[in-house]
């Protein structure tokens, strides 16, 4: 289960770096739409992974 927690942290790190880059280092968002999509998808993957990790841990603990 350690792999799932590491992948969550990786997705969150990617999204934070992308959003930091867009907010503070880029002048306009128009040319960075693919980067914005990547950041948004990585944040959604973080939430997805966290939800299912907790779900599987709860199922494992009830047995």
PDB file of N, CA and C in Angstrom:
ATOM      1  N   UNK A   1       0.799  -1.190   0.000  1.00  0.00           N
ATOM      2  CA  UNK A   1       0.000   0.000   0.000  1.00  0.00           C
ATOM      3  C   UNK A   1       0.853   1.270   0.000  1.00  0.00           C
ATOM      4  N   UNK A   2       2.116   1.120   0.214  1.00  0.00           N
ATOM      5  CA  UNK A   2       2.987   2.287   0.239  1.00  0.00           C
ATOM      6  C   UNK A   2       3.067   2.937  -1.146  1.00  0.00           C
ATOM      7  N   UNK A   3       2.969   2.112  -2.199  1.00  0.00           N
ATOM      8  CA  UNK A   3       3.003   2.632  -3.570  1.00  0.00           C
ATOM      9  C   UNK A   3       1.860   3.611  -3.821  1.00  0.00           C
ATOM     10  N   UNK A   4       0.699   3.316  -3.285  1.00  0.00           N
ATOM     11  CA  UNK A   4      -0.458   4.184  -3.503  1.00  0.00           C
ATOM     12  C   UNK A   4      -0.264   5.547  -2.842  1.00  0.00           C
ATOM     13  N   UNK A   5       0.335   5.554  -1.676  1.00  0.00           N
ATOM     14  CA  UNK A   5       0.566   6.824  -0.995  1.00  0.00           C
ATOM     15  C   UNK A   5       1.636   7.647  -1.721  1.00  0.00           C
ATOM     16  N   UNK A   6       2.662   6.977  -2.249  1.00  0.00           N
ATOM     17  CA  UNK A   6       3.713   7.665  -3.003  1.00  0.00           C
ATOM     18  C   UNK A   6       3.144   8.256  -4.291  1.00  0.00           C
ATOM     19  N   UNK A   7       2.274   7.513  -4.965  1.00  0.00           N
ATOM     20  CA  UNK A   7       1.688   8.035  -6.200  1.00  0.00           C
ATOM     21  C   UNK A   7       0.775   9.229  -5.917  1.00  0.00           C
ATOM     22  N   UNK A   8       0.078   9.207  -4.777  1.00  0.00           N
ATOM     23  CA  UNK A   8      -0.729  10.368  -4.394  1.00  0.00           C
ATOM     24  C   UNK A   8       0.140  11.604  -4.235  1.00  0.00           C
ATOM     25  N   UNK A   9       1.237  11.448  -3.533  1.00  0.00           N
ATOM     26  CA  UNK A   9       2.140  12.575  -3.302  1.00  0.00           C
ATOM     27  C   UNK A   9       2.730  13.063  -4.620  1.00  0.00           C
ATOM     28  N   UNK A  10       3.036  12.138  -5.527  1.00  0.00           N
ATOM     29  CA  UNK A  10       3.582  12.529  -6.829  1.00  0.00           C
ATOM     30  C   UNK A  10       2.564  13.341  -7.630  1.00  0.00           C
ATOM     31  N   UNK A  11       1.322  12.902  -7.660  1.00  0.00           N
ATOM     32  CA  UNK A  11       0.289  13.646  -8.384  1.00  0.00           C
ATOM     33  C   UNK A  11       0.068  15.032  -7.772  1.00  0.00           C
ATOM     34  N   UNK A  12       0.050  15.112  -6.460  1.00  0.00           N
ATOM     35  CA  UNK A  12      -0.136  16.397  -5.805  1.00  0.00           C
ATOM     36  C   UNK A  12       1.043  17.324  -6.077  1.00  0.00           C
ATOM     37  N   UNK A  13       2.254  16.790  -6.062  1.00  0.00           N
ATOM     38  CA  UNK A  13       3.443  17.588  -6.345  1.00  0.00           C
ATOM     39  C   UNK A  13       3.421  18.135  -7.761  1.00  0.00           C
ATOM     40  N   UNK A  14       3.048  17.299  -8.715  1.00  0.00           N
ATOM     41  CA  UNK A  14       2.967  17.744 -10.110  1.00  0.00           C
ATOM     42  C   UNK A  14       1.957  18.872 -10.250  1.00  0.00           C
ATOM     43  N   UNK A  15       0.794  18.703  -9.640  1.00  0.00           N
ATOM     44  CA  UNK A  15      -0.231  19.748  -9.775  1.00  0.00           C
ATOM     45  C   UNK A  15       0.207  21.048  -9.106  1.00  0.00           C
ATOM     46  N   UNK A  16       0.852  20.967  -7.955  1.00  0.00           N
ATOM     47  CA  UNK A  16       1.303  22.184  -7.279  1.00  0.00           C
ATOM     48  C   UNK A  16       2.382  22.900  -8.079  1.00  0.00           C
ATOM     49  N   UNK A  17       3.303  22.153  -8.661  1.00  0.00           N
ATOM     50  CA  UNK A  17       4.359  22.764  -9.475  1.00  0.00           C
ATOM     51  C   UNK A  17       3.765  23.436 -10.707  1.00  0.00           C
ATOM     52  N   UNK A  18       2.831  22.771 -11.358  1.00  0.00           N
ATOM     53  CA  UNK A  18       2.212  23.334 -12.560  1.00  0.00           C
ATOM     54  C   UNK A  18       1.435  24.600 -12.229  1.00  0.00           C
ATOM     55  N   UNK A  19       0.645  24.566 -11.159  1.00  0.00           N
ATOM     56  CA  UNK A  19      -0.127  25.751 -10.802  1.00  0.00           C
ATOM     57  C   UNK A  19       0.776  26.893 -10.350  1.00  0.00           C
ATOM     58  N   UNK A  20       1.831  26.589  -9.628  1.00  0.00           N
ATOM     59  CA  UNK A  20       2.796  27.619  -9.234  1.00  0.00           C
ATOM     60  C   UNK A  20       3.428  28.252 -10.468  1.00  0.00           C
ATOM     61  N   UNK A  21       3.781  27.415 -11.432  1.00  0.00           N
ATOM     62  CA  UNK A  21       4.385  27.906 -12.677  1.00  0.00           C
ATOM     63  C   UNK A  21       3.430  28.823 -13.435  1.00  0.00           C
ATOM     64  N   UNK A  22       2.178  28.427 -13.527  1.00  0.00           N
ATOM     65  CA  UNK A  22       1.201  29.231 -14.263  1.00  0.00           C
ATOM     66  C   UNK A  22       0.905  30.543 -13.536  1.00  0.00           C
ATOM     67  N   UNK A  23       0.752  30.488 -12.235  1.00  0.00           N
ATOM     68  CA  UNK A  23       0.361  31.686 -11.492  1.00  0.00           C
ATOM     69  C   UNK A  23       1.490  32.703 -11.383  1.00  0.00           C
ATOM     70  N   UNK A  24       2.684  32.238 -11.060  1.00  0.00           N
ATOM     71  CA  UNK A  24       3.755  33.179 -10.746  1.00  0.00           C
ATOM     72  C   UNK A  24       4.758  33.420 -11.861  1.00  0.00           C
ATOM     73  N   UNK A  25       4.921  32.493 -12.785  1.00  0.00           N
ATOM     74  CA  UNK A  25       5.981  32.635 -13.775  1.00  0.00           C
ATOM     75  C   UNK A  25       5.501  32.963 -15.187  1.00  0.00           C
ATOM     76  N   UNK A  26       4.239  32.743 -15.479  1.00  0.00           N
ATOM     77  CA  UNK A  26       3.727  33.001 -16.822  1.00  0.00           C
ATOM     78  C   UNK A  26       2.928  34.293 -16.832  1.00  0.00           C
ATOM     79  N   UNK A  27       3.013  35.007 -17.935  1.00  0.00           N
ATOM     80  CA  UNK A  27       2.286  36.278 -18.059  1.00  0.00           C
ATOM     81  C   UNK A  27       0.824  36.060 -18.431  1.00  0.00           C
ATOM     82  N   UNK A  28       0.565  35.098 -19.348  1.00  0.00           N
ATOM     83  CA  UNK A  28      -0.813  34.846 -19.773  1.00  0.00           C
ATOM     84  C   UNK A  28      -1.126  33.367 -19.661  1.00  0.00           C
ATOM     85  N   UNK A  29      -2.396  33.068 -19.544  1.00  0.00           N
ATOM     86  CA  UNK A  29      -2.833  31.675 -19.471  1.00  0.00           C
ATOM     87  C   UNK A  29      -3.126  31.130 -20.860  1.00  0.00           C
ATOM     88  N   UNK A  30      -3.341  31.986 -21.834  1.00  0.00           N
ATOM     89  CA  UNK A  30      -3.761  31.559 -23.168  1.00  0.00           C
ATOM     90  C   UNK A  30      -2.802  30.552 -23.798  1.00  0.00           C
ATOM     91  N   UNK A  31      -1.511  30.749 -23.657  1.00  0.00           N
ATOM     92  CA  UNK A  31      -0.547  29.833 -24.259  1.00  0.00           C
ATOM     93  C   UNK A  31      -0.264  28.615 -23.410  1.00  0.00           C
ATOM     94  N   UNK A  32      -0.835  28.557 -22.229  1.00  0.00           N
ATOM     95  CA  UNK A  32      -0.539  27.481 -21.293  1.00  0.00           C
ATOM     96  C   UNK A  32      -1.737  26.594 -20.992  1.00  0.00           C
ATOM     97  N   UNK A  33      -2.652  26.501 -21.911  1.00  0.00           N
ATOM     98  CA  UNK A  33      -3.846  25.674 -21.704  1.00  0.00           C
ATOM     99  C   UNK A  33      -3.482  24.199 -21.496  1.00  0.00           C
ATOM    100  N   UNK A  34      -2.567  23.606 -22.297  1.00  0.00           N
ATOM    101  CA  UNK A  34      -2.212  22.199 -22.023  1.00  0.00           C
ATOM    102  C   UNK A  34      -1.587  22.011 -20.645  1.00  0.00           C
ATOM    103  N   UNK A  35      -0.802  22.974 -20.203  1.00  0.00           N
ATOM    104  CA  UNK A  35      -0.201  22.896 -18.877  1.00  0.00           C
ATOM    105  C   UNK A  35      -1.267  23.007 -17.792  1.00  0.00           C
ATOM    106  N   UNK A  36      -2.244  23.851 -17.999  1.00  0.00           N
ATOM    107  CA  UNK A  36      -3.348  23.988 -17.056  1.00  0.00           C
ATOM    108  C   UNK A  36      -4.165  22.698 -16.984  1.00  0.00           C
ATOM    109  N   UNK A  37      -4.402  22.072 -18.116  1.00  0.00           N
ATOM    110  CA  UNK A  37      -5.134  20.799 -18.151  1.00  0.00           C
ATOM    111  C   UNK A  37      -4.353  19.722 -17.417  1.00  0.00           C
ATOM    112  N   UNK A  38      -3.032  19.675 -17.618  1.00  0.00           N
ATOM    113  CA  UNK A  38      -2.188  18.707 -16.917  1.00  0.00           C
ATOM    114  C   UNK A  38      -2.273  18.897 -15.408  1.00  0.00           C
ATOM    115  N   UNK A  39      -2.209  20.126 -14.945  1.00  0.00           N
ATOM    116  CA  UNK A  39      -2.309  20.395 -13.513  1.00  0.00           C
ATOM    117  C   UNK A  39      -3.654  19.995 -12.945  1.00  0.00           C
ATOM    118  N   UNK A  40      -4.711  20.297 -13.680  1.00  0.00           N
ATOM    119  CA  UNK A  40      -6.055  19.946 -13.220  1.00  0.00           C
ATOM    120  C   UNK A  40      -6.249  18.432 -13.176  1.00  0.00           C
ATOM    121  N   UNK A  41      -5.794  17.731 -14.215  1.00  0.00           N
ATOM    122  CA  UNK A  41      -5.929  16.272 -14.237  1.00  0.00           C
ATOM    123  C   UNK A  41      -5.093  15.599 -13.153  1.00  0.00           C
ATOM    124  N   UNK A  42      -3.908  16.119 -12.895  1.00  0.00           N
ATOM    125  CA  UNK A  42      -3.084  15.514 -11.851  1.00  0.00           C
ATOM    126  C   UNK A  42      -3.710  15.730 -10.472  1.00  0.00           C
ATOM    127  N   UNK A  43      -4.355  16.880 -10.261  1.00  0.00           N
ATOM    128  CA  UNK A  43      -5.052  17.092  -8.989  1.00  0.00           C
ATOM    129  C   UNK A  43      -6.246  16.149  -8.863  1.00  0.00           C
ATOM    130  N   UNK A  44      -6.980  15.941  -9.949  1.00  0.00           N
ATOM    131  CA  UNK A  44      -8.100  14.990  -9.914  1.00  0.00           C
ATOM    132  C   UNK A  44      -7.616  13.567  -9.658  1.00  0.00           C
ATOM    133  N   UNK A  45      -6.473  13.198 -10.233  1.00  0.00           N
ATOM    134  CA  UNK A  45      -5.912  11.869  -9.980  1.00  0.00           C
ATOM    135  C   UNK A  45      -5.487  11.718  -8.521  1.00  0.00           C
ATOM    136  N   UNK A  46      -4.976  12.794  -7.930  1.00  0.00           N
ATOM    137  CA  UNK A  46      -4.643  12.774  -6.506  1.00  0.00           C
ATOM    138  C   UNK A  46      -5.886  12.464  -5.675  1.00  0.00           C
ATOM    139  N   UNK A  47      -6.987  13.176  -5.955  1.00  0.00           N
ATOM    140  CA  UNK A  47      -8.224  12.945  -5.212  1.00  0.00           C
ATOM    141  C   UNK A  47      -8.766  11.540  -5.443  1.00  0.00           C
ATOM    142  N   UNK A  48      -8.699  11.057  -6.670  1.00  0.00           N
ATOM    143  CA  UNK A  48      -9.164   9.714  -7.017  1.00  0.00           C
ATOM    144  C   UNK A  48      -8.367   8.650  -6.275  1.00  0.00           C
ATOM    145  N   UNK A  49      -7.034   8.779  -6.293  1.00  0.00           N
ATOM    146  CA  UNK A  49      -6.177   7.813  -5.613  1.00  0.00           C
ATOM    147  C   UNK A  49      -6.419   7.808  -4.110  1.00  0.00           C
ATOM    148  N   UNK A  50      -6.555   9.009  -3.525  1.00  0.00           N
ATOM    149  CA  UNK A  50      -6.767   9.101  -2.086  1.00  0.00           C
ATOM    150  C   UNK A  50      -8.091   8.469  -1.689  1.00  0.00           C
ATOM    151  N   UNK A  51      -9.138   8.711  -2.464  1.00  0.00           N
ATOM    152  CA  UNK A  51     -10.457   8.145  -2.172  1.00  0.00           C
ATOM    153  C   UNK A  51     -10.407   6.620  -2.185  1.00  0.00           C
ATOM    154  N   UNK A  52      -9.816   6.038  -3.235  1.00  0.00           N
ATOM    155  CA  UNK A  52      -9.798   4.585  -3.328  1.00  0.00           C
ATOM    156  C   UNK A  52      -8.817   3.942  -2.364  1.00  0.00           C
ATOM    157  N   UNK A  53      -7.739   4.638  -1.985  1.00  0.00           N
ATOM    158  CA  UNK A  53      -6.830   4.093  -0.979  1.00  0.00           C
ATOM    159  C   UNK A  53      -7.543   3.986   0.356  1.00  0.00           C
ATOM    160  N   UNK A  54      -8.284   5.025   0.733  1.00  0.00           N
ATOM    161  CA  UNK A  54      -9.030   4.991   1.984  1.00  0.00           C
ATOM    162  C   UNK A  54     -10.125   3.931   1.946  1.00  0.00           C
ATOM    163  N   UNK A  55     -10.763   3.795   0.806  1.00  0.00           N
ATOM    164  CA  UNK A  55     -11.819   2.798   0.658  1.00  0.00           C
ATOM    165  C   UNK A  55     -11.265   1.383   0.819  1.00  0.00           C
ATOM    166  N   UNK A  56     -10.127   1.106   0.190  1.00  0.00           N
ATOM    167  CA  UNK A  56      -9.525  -0.225   0.294  1.00  0.00           C
ATOM    168  C   UNK A  56      -8.980  -0.479   1.697  1.00  0.00           C
ATOM    169  N   UNK A  57      -8.442   0.543   2.360  1.00  0.00           N
ATOM    170  CA  UNK A  57      -7.967   0.365   3.729  1.00  0.00           C
ATOM    171  C   UNK A  57      -9.114   0.084   4.669  1.00  0.00           C
ATOM    172  N   UNK A  58     -10.240   0.738   4.487  1.00  0.00           N
ATOM    173  CA  UNK A  58     -11.398   0.476   5.339  1.00  0.00           C
ATOM    174  C   UNK A  58     -11.922  -0.929   5.107  1.00  0.00           C
ATOM    175  N   UNK A  59     -11.926  -1.386   3.882  1.00  0.00           N
ATOM    176  CA  UNK A  59     -12.379  -2.738   3.578  1.00  0.00           C
ATOM    177  C   UNK A  59     -11.426  -3.764   4.182  1.00  0.00           C
ATOM    178  N   UNK A  60     -10.142  -3.481   4.138  1.00  0.00           N
ATOM    179  CA  UNK A  60      -9.126  -4.386   4.676  1.00  0.00           C
ATOM    180  C   UNK A  60      -9.202  -4.449   6.202  1.00  0.00           C
ATOM    181  N   UNK A  61      -9.476  -3.326   6.840  1.00  0.00           N
ATOM    182  CA  UNK A  61      -9.544  -3.281   8.303  1.00  0.00           C
ATOM    183  C   UNK A  61     -10.796  -3.919   8.854  1.00  0.00           C
ATOM    184  N   UNK A  62     -11.866  -3.998   8.114  1.00  0.00           N
ATOM    185  CA  UNK A  62     -13.099  -4.605   8.616  1.00  0.00           C
ATOM    186  C   UNK A  62     -13.031  -6.122   8.592  1.00  0.00           C
ATOM    187  N   UNK A  63     -12.135  -6.685   7.793  1.00  0.00           N
ATOM    188  CA  UNK A  63     -12.034  -8.163   7.718  1.00  0.00           C
ATOM    189  C   UNK A  63     -11.296  -8.736   8.871  1.00  0.00           C
TER     190      UNK A  63
END
